[in-house]
Amino acid sequence: MEATAELSIYPLHDDYKDRVKEFLRKLRRHKGLTVESNGVSTQVFGQYDTLMEALTLDIREALEKQQAMVVLKIGKGILRFDESKL
């Protein structure tokens, strides 16, 4: 089953930008996932099991290293916005 996750990570530190960039670099290393970021959130697309394994691993690692909040939404299917289909 394909799935989409949208997440935002909010490190509770002064150097939050570097910590967000590090988190995204690690997330992008997972094979089989497409990761797209904008100024507000990151969308991750792929097979559900692959997606959840990657998120579990990377979120756990981020939270073990720092105080942070993670906001996460998950939906079935590839829910990429396509303006041409409006």
PDB file of N, CA and C in Angstrom:
ATOM      1  N   MET A   1       0.847  -1.174   0.000  1.00  0.00           N
ATOM      2  CA  MET A   1       0.000   0.000   0.000  1.00  0.00           C
ATOM      3  C   MET A   1       0.894   1.240   0.000  1.00  0.00           C
ATOM      4  N   GLU A   2       0.576   2.172  -0.876  1.00  0.00           N
ATOM      5  CA  GLU A   2       1.302   3.436  -0.899  1.00  0.00           C
ATOM      6  C   GLU A   2       0.728   4.371   0.157  1.00  0.00           C
ATOM      7  N   ALA A   3       1.588   5.258   0.653  1.00  0.00           N
ATOM      8  CA  ALA A   3       1.160   6.196   1.691  1.00  0.00           C
ATOM      9  C   ALA A   3       1.921   7.507   1.552  1.00  0.00           C
ATOM     10  N   THR A   4       1.341   8.530   2.151  1.00  0.00           N
ATOM     11  CA  THR A   4       1.948   9.852   2.218  1.00  0.00           C
ATOM     12  C   THR A   4       1.985  10.282   3.671  1.00  0.00           C
ATOM     13  N   ALA A   5       3.110  10.852   4.068  1.00  0.00           N
ATOM     14  CA  ALA A   5       3.217  11.456   5.397  1.00  0.00           C
ATOM     15  C   ALA A   5       3.586  12.918   5.214  1.00  0.00           C
ATOM     16  N   GLU A   6       3.003  13.749   6.033  1.00  0.00           N
ATOM     17  CA  GLU A   6       3.391  15.156   6.094  1.00  0.00           C
ATOM     18  C   GLU A   6       3.848  15.407   7.514  1.00  0.00           C
ATOM     19  N   LEU A   7       5.052  15.953   7.652  1.00  0.00           N
ATOM     20  CA  LEU A   7       5.539  16.193   8.996  1.00  0.00           C
ATOM     21  C   LEU A   7       6.288  17.505   9.087  1.00  0.00           C
ATOM     22  N   SER A   8       6.309  18.002  10.301  1.00  0.00           N
ATOM     23  CA  SER A   8       7.101  19.169  10.670  1.00  0.00           C
ATOM     24  C   SER A   8       7.810  18.821  11.957  1.00  0.00           C
ATOM     25  N   ILE A   9       9.093  19.169  12.028  1.00  0.00           N
ATOM     26  CA  ILE A   9       9.851  18.966  13.256  1.00  0.00           C
ATOM     27  C   ILE A   9      10.256  20.339  13.777  1.00  0.00           C
ATOM     28  N   TYR A  10      10.069  20.526  15.067  1.00  0.00           N
ATOM     29  CA  TYR A  10      10.355  21.800  15.713  1.00  0.00           C
ATOM     30  C   TYR A  10      11.353  21.575  16.842  1.00  0.00           C
ATOM     31  N   PRO A  11      12.658  21.639  16.545  1.00  0.00           N
ATOM     32  CA  PRO A  11      13.649  21.517  17.612  1.00  0.00           C
ATOM     33  C   PRO A  11      13.532  22.707  18.559  1.00  0.00           C
ATOM     34  N   LEU A  12      13.612  22.437  19.836  1.00  0.00           N
ATOM     35  CA  LEU A  12      13.481  23.492  20.844  1.00  0.00           C
ATOM     36  C   LEU A  12      14.868  23.973  21.261  1.00  0.00           C
ATOM     37  N   HIS A  13      15.620  24.461  20.247  1.00  0.00           N
ATOM     38  CA  HIS A  13      16.994  24.907  20.449  1.00  0.00           C
ATOM     39  C   HIS A  13      17.248  26.136  19.586  1.00  0.00           C
ATOM     40  N   ASP A  14      18.259  26.917  19.959  1.00  0.00           N
ATOM     41  CA  ASP A  14      18.608  28.095  19.176  1.00  0.00           C
ATOM     42  C   ASP A  14      19.092  27.737  17.774  1.00  0.00           C
ATOM     43  N   ASP A  15      19.796  26.622  17.624  1.00  0.00           N
ATOM     44  CA  ASP A  15      20.325  26.229  16.317  1.00  0.00           C
ATOM     45  C   ASP A  15      19.359  25.296  15.575  1.00  0.00           C
ATOM     46  N   TYR A  16      18.084  25.622  15.648  1.00  0.00           N
ATOM     47  CA  TYR A  16      17.048  24.753  15.093  1.00  0.00           C
ATOM     48  C   TYR A  16      17.192  24.534  13.588  1.00  0.00           C
ATOM     49  N   LYS A  17      17.663  25.527  12.845  1.00  0.00           N
ATOM     50  CA  LYS A  17      17.773  25.365  11.389  1.00  0.00           C
ATOM     51  C   LYS A  17      18.728  24.232  11.030  1.00  0.00           C
ATOM     52  N   ASP A  18      19.876  24.187  11.694  1.00  0.00           N
ATOM     53  CA  ASP A  18      20.840  23.115  11.433  1.00  0.00           C
ATOM     54  C   ASP A  18      20.264  21.759  11.798  1.00  0.00           C
ATOM     55  N   ARG A  19      19.509  21.695  12.869  1.00  0.00           N
ATOM     56  CA  ARG A  19      18.925  20.430  13.310  1.00  0.00           C
ATOM     57  C   ARG A  19      17.835  19.951  12.345  1.00  0.00           C
ATOM     58  N   VAL A  20      17.055  20.874  11.815  1.00  0.00           N
ATOM     59  CA  VAL A  20      16.040  20.504  10.820  1.00  0.00           C
ATOM     60  C   VAL A  20      16.726  19.998   9.551  1.00  0.00           C
ATOM     61  N   LYS A  21      17.764  20.698   9.102  1.00  0.00           N
ATOM     62  CA  LYS A  21      18.490  20.278   7.901  1.00  0.00           C
ATOM     63  C   LYS A  21      19.098  18.890   8.082  1.00  0.00           C
ATOM     64  N   GLU A  22      19.652  18.614   9.253  1.00  0.00           N
ATOM     65  CA  GLU A  22      20.226  17.294   9.532  1.00  0.00           C
ATOM     66  C   GLU A  22      19.142  16.216   9.469  1.00  0.00           C
ATOM     67  N   PHE A  23      17.996  16.488  10.074  1.00  0.00           N
ATOM     68  CA  PHE A  23      16.883  15.536  10.049  1.00  0.00           C
ATOM     69  C   PHE A  23      16.459  15.239   8.609  1.00  0.00           C
ATOM     70  N   LEU A  24      16.336  16.270   7.790  1.00  0.00           N
ATOM     71  CA  LEU A  24      15.910  16.084   6.402  1.00  0.00           C
ATOM     72  C   LEU A  24      16.953  15.329   5.584  1.00  0.00           C
ATOM     73  N   ARG A  25      18.241  15.603   5.819  1.00  0.00           N
ATOM     74  CA  ARG A  25      19.298  14.859   5.121  1.00  0.00           C
ATOM     75  C   ARG A  25      19.185  13.364   5.407  1.00  0.00           C
ATOM     76  N   LYS A  26      18.963  13.025   6.662  1.00  0.00           N
ATOM     77  CA  LYS A  26      18.843  11.615   7.039  1.00  0.00           C
ATOM     78  C   LYS A  26      17.596  10.986   6.424  1.00  0.00           C
ATOM     79  N   LEU A  27      16.504  11.716   6.420  1.00  0.00           N
ATOM     80  CA  LEU A  27      15.263  11.196   5.854  1.00  0.00           C
ATOM     81  C   LEU A  27      15.416  10.923   4.357  1.00  0.00           C
ATOM     82  N   ARG A  28      16.144  11.774   3.658  1.00  0.00           N
ATOM     83  CA  ARG A  28      16.327  11.627   2.209  1.00  0.00           C
ATOM     84  C   ARG A  28      17.222  10.447   1.833  1.00  0.00           C
ATOM     85  N   ARG A  29      17.950   9.890   2.774  1.00  0.00           N
ATOM     86  CA  ARG A  29      18.844   8.763   2.475  1.00  0.00           C
ATOM     87  C   ARG A  29      18.098   7.441   2.314  1.00  0.00           C
ATOM     88  N   HIS A  30      16.868   7.370   2.732  1.00  0.00           N
ATOM     89  CA  HIS A  30      16.120   6.113   2.660  1.00  0.00           C
ATOM     90  C   HIS A  30      15.701   5.820   1.220  1.00  0.00           C
ATOM     91  N   LYS A  31      16.048   4.638   0.751  1.00  0.00           N
ATOM     92  CA  LYS A  31      15.683   4.218  -0.610  1.00  0.00           C
ATOM     93  C   LYS A  31      14.181   3.926  -0.680  1.00  0.00           C
ATOM     94  N   GLY A  32      13.600   4.261  -1.809  1.00  0.00           N
ATOM     95  CA  GLY A  32      12.191   3.964  -2.027  1.00  0.00           C
ATOM     96  C   GLY A  32      11.241   5.050  -1.564  1.00  0.00           C
ATOM     97  N   LEU A  33      11.781   6.147  -1.029  1.00  0.00           N
ATOM     98  CA  LEU A  33      10.937   7.253  -0.569  1.00  0.00           C
ATOM     99  C   LEU A  33      11.219   8.497  -1.391  1.00  0.00           C
ATOM    100  N   THR A  34      10.193   9.285  -1.610  1.00  0.00           N
ATOM    101  CA  THR A  34      10.339  10.604  -2.209  1.00  0.00           C
ATOM    102  C   THR A  34      10.068  11.620  -1.114  1.00  0.00           C
ATOM    103  N   VAL A  35      10.996  12.557  -0.931  1.00  0.00           N
ATOM    104  CA  VAL A  35      10.889  13.558   0.132  1.00  0.00           C
ATOM    105  C   VAL A  35      10.848  14.935  -0.517  1.00  0.00           C
ATOM    106  N   GLU A  36       9.801  15.700  -0.224  1.00  0.00           N
ATOM    107  CA  GLU A  36       9.639  17.055  -0.752  1.00  0.00           C
ATOM    108  C   GLU A  36       9.393  18.005   0.411  1.00  0.00           C
ATOM    109  N   SER A  37      10.210  19.049   0.483  1.00  0.00           N
ATOM    110  CA  SER A  37      10.085  20.017   1.581  1.00  0.00           C
ATOM    111  C   SER A  37       9.678  21.379   1.049  1.00  0.00           C
ATOM    112  N   ASN A  38       8.996  22.128   1.903  1.00  0.00           N
ATOM    113  CA  ASN A  38       8.711  23.532   1.634  1.00  0.00           C
ATOM    114  C   ASN A  38       8.998  24.297   2.925  1.00  0.00           C
ATOM    115  N   GLY A  39       8.626  25.522   3.006  1.00  0.00           N
ATOM    116  CA  GLY A  39       8.937  26.333   4.173  1.00  0.00           C
ATOM    117  C   GLY A  39       8.174  25.978   5.431  1.00  0.00           C
ATOM    118  N   VAL A  40       7.171  25.126   5.318  1.00  0.00           N
ATOM    119  CA  VAL A  40       6.307  24.818   6.456  1.00  0.00           C
ATOM    120  C   VAL A  40       6.393  23.361   6.883  1.00  0.00           C
ATOM    121  N   SER A  41       6.506  22.449   5.903  1.00  0.00           N
ATOM    122  CA  SER A  41       6.475  21.025   6.239  1.00  0.00           C
ATOM    123  C   SER A  41       7.233  20.221   5.191  1.00  0.00           C
ATOM    124  N   THR A  42       7.287  18.927   5.432  1.00  0.00           N
ATOM    125  CA  THR A  42       7.910  17.989   4.505  1.00  0.00           C
ATOM    126  C   THR A  42       6.913  16.879   4.210  1.00  0.00           C
ATOM    127  N   GLN A  43       6.796  16.527   2.934  1.00  0.00           N
ATOM    128  CA  GLN A  43       5.947  15.419   2.535  1.00  0.00           C
ATOM    129  C   GLN A  43       6.852  14.260   2.130  1.00  0.00           C
ATOM    130  N   VAL A  44       6.468  13.058   2.566  1.00  0.00           N
ATOM    131  CA  VAL A  44       7.220  11.851   2.245  1.00  0.00           C
ATOM    132  C   VAL A  44       6.252  10.870   1.597  1.00  0.00           C
ATOM    133  N   PHE A  45       6.639  10.329   0.443  1.00  0.00           N
ATOM    134  CA  PHE A  45       5.791   9.431  -0.332  1.00  0.00           C
ATOM    135  C   PHE A  45       6.498   8.095  -0.511  1.00  0.00           C
ATOM    136  N   GLY A  46       5.759   7.002  -0.408  1.00  0.00           N
ATOM    137  CA  GLY A  46       6.346   5.689  -0.652  1.00  0.00           C
ATOM    138  C   GLY A  46       5.463   4.579  -0.136  1.00  0.00           C
ATOM    139  N   GLN A  47       6.016   3.375  -0.114  1.00  0.00           N
ATOM    140  CA  GLN A  47       5.301   2.229   0.431  1.00  0.00           C
ATOM    141  C   GLN A  47       5.142   2.409   1.935  1.00  0.00           C
ATOM    142  N   TYR A  48       3.977   2.071   2.449  1.00  0.00           N
ATOM    143  CA  TYR A  48       3.647   2.317   3.856  1.00  0.00           C
ATOM    144  C   TYR A  48       4.708   1.766   4.805  1.00  0.00           C
ATOM    145  N   ASP A  49       5.086   0.505   4.644  1.00  0.00           N
ATOM    146  CA  ASP A  49       6.044  -0.094   5.580  1.00  0.00           C
ATOM    147  C   ASP A  49       7.395   0.604   5.525  1.00  0.00           C
ATOM    148  N   THR A  50       7.871   0.913   4.328  1.00  0.00           N
ATOM    149  CA  THR A  50       9.142   1.621   4.169  1.00  0.00           C
ATOM    150  C   THR A  50       9.066   2.999   4.807  1.00  0.00           C
ATOM    151  N   LEU A  51       7.975   3.685   4.552  1.00  0.00           N
ATOM    152  CA  LEU A  51       7.750   5.024   5.096  1.00  0.00           C
ATOM    153  C   LEU A  51       7.757   5.010   6.621  1.00  0.00           C
ATOM    154  N   MET A  52       7.008   4.087   7.205  1.00  0.00           N
ATOM    155  CA  MET A  52       6.898   4.038   8.664  1.00  0.00           C
ATOM    156  C   MET A  52       8.215   3.629   9.324  1.00  0.00           C
ATOM    157  N   GLU A  53       8.941   2.700   8.709  1.00  0.00           N
ATOM    158  CA  GLU A  53      10.245   2.311   9.255  1.00  0.00           C
ATOM    159  C   GLU A  53      11.201   3.497   9.257  1.00  0.00           C
ATOM    160  N   ALA A  54      11.231   4.246   8.160  1.00  0.00           N
ATOM    161  CA  ALA A  54      12.116   5.407   8.059  1.00  0.00           C
ATOM    162  C   ALA A  54      11.735   6.478   9.076  1.00  0.00           C
ATOM    163  N   LEU A  55      10.450   6.783   9.168  1.00  0.00           N
ATOM    164  CA  LEU A  55      10.007   7.808  10.114  1.00  0.00           C
ATOM    165  C   LEU A  55      10.275   7.389  11.552  1.00  0.00           C
ATOM    166  N   THR A  56       9.999   6.129  11.877  1.00  0.00           N
ATOM    167  CA  THR A  56      10.244   5.644  13.236  1.00  0.00           C
ATOM    168  C   THR A  56      11.716   5.788  13.595  1.00  0.00           C
ATOM    169  N   LEU A  57      12.588   5.360  12.697  1.00  0.00           N
ATOM    170  CA  LEU A  57      14.027   5.429  12.942  1.00  0.00           C
ATOM    171  C   LEU A  57      14.505   6.873  13.091  1.00  0.00           C
ATOM    172  N   ASP A  58      14.149   7.723  12.133  1.00  0.00           N
ATOM    173  CA  ASP A  58      14.674   9.090  12.123  1.00  0.00           C
ATOM    174  C   ASP A  58      14.061   9.968  13.207  1.00  0.00           C
ATOM    175  N   ILE A  59      12.786   9.801  13.491  1.00  0.00           N
ATOM    176  CA  ILE A  59      12.170  10.584  14.567  1.00  0.00           C
ATOM    177  C   ILE A  59      12.738  10.151  15.910  1.00  0.00           C
ATOM    178  N   ARG A  60      12.884   8.839  16.120  1.00  0.00           N
ATOM    179  CA  ARG A  60      13.467   8.352  17.378  1.00  0.00           C
ATOM    180  C   ARG A  60      14.865   8.942  17.582  1.00  0.00           C
ATOM    181  N   GLU A  61      15.690   8.879  16.540  1.00  0.00           N
ATOM    182  CA  GLU A  61      17.051   9.402  16.644  1.00  0.00           C
ATOM    183  C   GLU A  61      17.044  10.900  16.953  1.00  0.00           C
ATOM    184  N   ALA A  62      16.177  11.646  16.286  1.00  0.00           N
ATOM    185  CA  ALA A  62      16.106  13.092  16.526  1.00  0.00           C
ATOM    186  C   ALA A  62      15.682  13.388  17.962  1.00  0.00           C
ATOM    187  N   LEU A  63      14.699  12.654  18.467  1.00  0.00           N
ATOM    188  CA  LEU A  63      14.204  12.908  19.825  1.00  0.00           C
ATOM    189  C   LEU A  63      15.178  12.423  20.895  1.00  0.00           C
ATOM    190  N   GLU A  64      15.994  11.422  20.578  1.00  0.00           N
ATOM    191  CA  GLU A  64      17.010  10.986  21.538  1.00  0.00           C
ATOM    192  C   GLU A  64      18.107  12.025  21.686  1.00  0.00           C
ATOM    193  N   LYS A  65      18.366  12.799  20.626  1.00  0.00           N
ATOM    194  CA  LYS A  65      19.447  13.784  20.621  1.00  0.00           C
ATOM    195  C   LYS A  65      19.027  15.155  21.133  1.00  0.00           C
ATOM    196  N   GLN A  66      17.734  15.460  21.124  1.00  0.00           N
ATOM    197  CA  GLN A  66      17.310  16.839  21.381  1.00  0.00           C
ATOM    198  C   GLN A  66      15.870  16.898  21.874  1.00  0.00           C
ATOM    199  N   GLN A  67      15.529  18.028  22.446  1.00  0.00           N
ATOM    200  CA  GLN A  67      14.134  18.343  22.749  1.00  0.00           C
ATOM    201  C   GLN A  67      13.519  18.854  21.455  1.00  0.00           C
ATOM    202  N   ALA A  68      12.406  18.272  21.059  1.00  0.00           N
ATOM    203  CA  ALA A  68      11.754  18.689  19.817  1.00  0.00           C
ATOM    204  C   ALA A  68      10.300  18.250  19.837  1.00  0.00           C
ATOM    205  N   MET A  69       9.518  18.911  19.011  1.00  0.00           N
ATOM    206  CA  MET A  69       8.131  18.519  18.770  1.00  0.00           C
ATOM    207  C   MET A  69       8.046  18.067  17.320  1.00  0.00           C
ATOM    208  N   VAL A  70       7.281  17.005  17.079  1.00  0.00           N
ATOM    209  CA  VAL A  70       7.054  16.520  15.722  1.00  0.00           C
ATOM    210  C   VAL A  70       5.548  16.462  15.500  1.00  0.00           C
ATOM    211  N   VAL A  71       5.106  17.072  14.411  1.00  0.00           N
ATOM    212  CA  VAL A  71       3.705  17.010  14.011  1.00  0.00           C
ATOM    213  C   VAL A  71       3.663  16.139  12.761  1.00  0.00           C
ATOM    214  N   LEU A  72       2.826  15.086  12.787  1.00  0.00           N
ATOM    215  CA  LEU A  72       2.836  14.092  11.720  1.00  0.00           C
ATOM    216  C   LEU A  72       1.413  13.738  11.298  1.00  0.00           C
ATOM    217  N   LYS A  73       1.196  13.727   9.979  1.00  0.00           N
ATOM    218  CA  LYS A  73      -0.074  13.260   9.407  1.00  0.00           C
ATOM    219  C   LYS A  73       0.256  12.173   8.397  1.00  0.00           C
ATOM    220  N   ILE A  74      -0.560  11.117   8.362  1.00  0.00           N
ATOM    221  CA  ILE A  74      -0.337  10.009   7.437  1.00  0.00           C
ATOM    222  C   ILE A  74      -1.647   9.711   6.713  1.00  0.00           C
ATOM    223  N   GLY A  75      -1.551   9.506   5.408  1.00  0.00           N
ATOM    224  CA  GLY A  75      -2.731   9.164   4.623  1.00  0.00           C
ATOM    225  C   GLY A  75      -2.433   8.065   3.622  1.00  0.00           C
ATOM    226  N   LYS A  76      -3.462   7.367   3.217  1.00  0.00           N
ATOM    227  CA  LYS A  76      -3.321   6.299   2.234  1.00  0.00           C
ATOM    228  C   LYS A  76      -3.162   6.893   0.843  1.00  0.00           C
ATOM    229  N   GLY A  77      -2.235   6.356   0.078  1.00  0.00           N
ATOM    230  CA  GLY A  77      -2.032   6.774  -1.302  1.00  0.00           C
ATOM    231  C   GLY A  77      -0.986   7.870  -1.427  1.00  0.00           C
ATOM    232  N   ILE A  78      -0.645   8.162  -2.670  1.00  0.00           N
ATOM    233  CA  ILE A  78       0.287   9.246  -2.965  1.00  0.00           C
ATOM    234  C   ILE A  78      -0.555  10.510  -3.100  1.00  0.00           C
ATOM    235  N   LEU A  79      -0.503  11.349  -2.098  1.00  0.00           N
ATOM    236  CA  LEU A  79      -1.389  12.517  -2.008  1.00  0.00           C
ATOM    237  C   LEU A  79      -0.656  13.797  -2.394  1.00  0.00           C
ATOM    238  N   ARG A  80       0.063  13.739  -3.490  1.00  0.00           N
ATOM    239  CA  ARG A  80       0.815  14.896  -3.974  1.00  0.00           C
ATOM    240  C   ARG A  80      -0.157  15.863  -4.644  1.00  0.00           C
ATOM    241  N   PHE A  81      -0.044  17.136  -4.325  1.00  0.00           N
ATOM    242  CA  PHE A  81      -0.902  18.162  -4.919  1.00  0.00           C
ATOM    243  C   PHE A  81      -0.487  18.381  -6.366  1.00  0.00           C
ATOM    244  N   ASP A  82      -1.438  18.335  -7.263  1.00  0.00           N
ATOM    245  CA  ASP A  82      -1.188  18.568  -8.683  1.00  0.00           C
ATOM    246  C   ASP A  82      -2.154  19.648  -9.156  1.00  0.00           C
ATOM    247  N   GLU A  83      -1.637  20.849  -9.276  1.00  0.00           N
ATOM    248  CA  GLU A  83      -2.469  21.996  -9.646  1.00  0.00           C
ATOM    249  C   GLU A  83      -3.116  21.818 -11.023  1.00  0.00           C
ATOM    250  N   SER A  84      -2.487  21.062 -11.902  1.00  0.00           N
ATOM    251  CA  SER A  84      -3.038  20.869 -13.249  1.00  0.00           C
ATOM    252  C   SER A  84      -4.332  20.056 -13.234  1.00  0.00           C
ATOM    253  N   LYS A  85      -4.606  19.357 -12.140  1.00  0.00           N
ATOM    254  CA  LYS A  85      -5.820  18.544 -12.048  1.00  0.00           C
ATOM    255  C   LYS A  85      -6.996  19.292 -11.432  1.00  0.00           C
ATOM    256  N   LEU A  86      -6.825  20.589 -11.176  1.00  0.00           N
ATOM    257  CA  LEU A  86      -7.922  21.382 -10.611  1.00  0.00           C
ATOM    258  C   LEU A  86      -8.935  21.737 -11.676  1.00  0.00           C
TER     259      LEU A  86
END
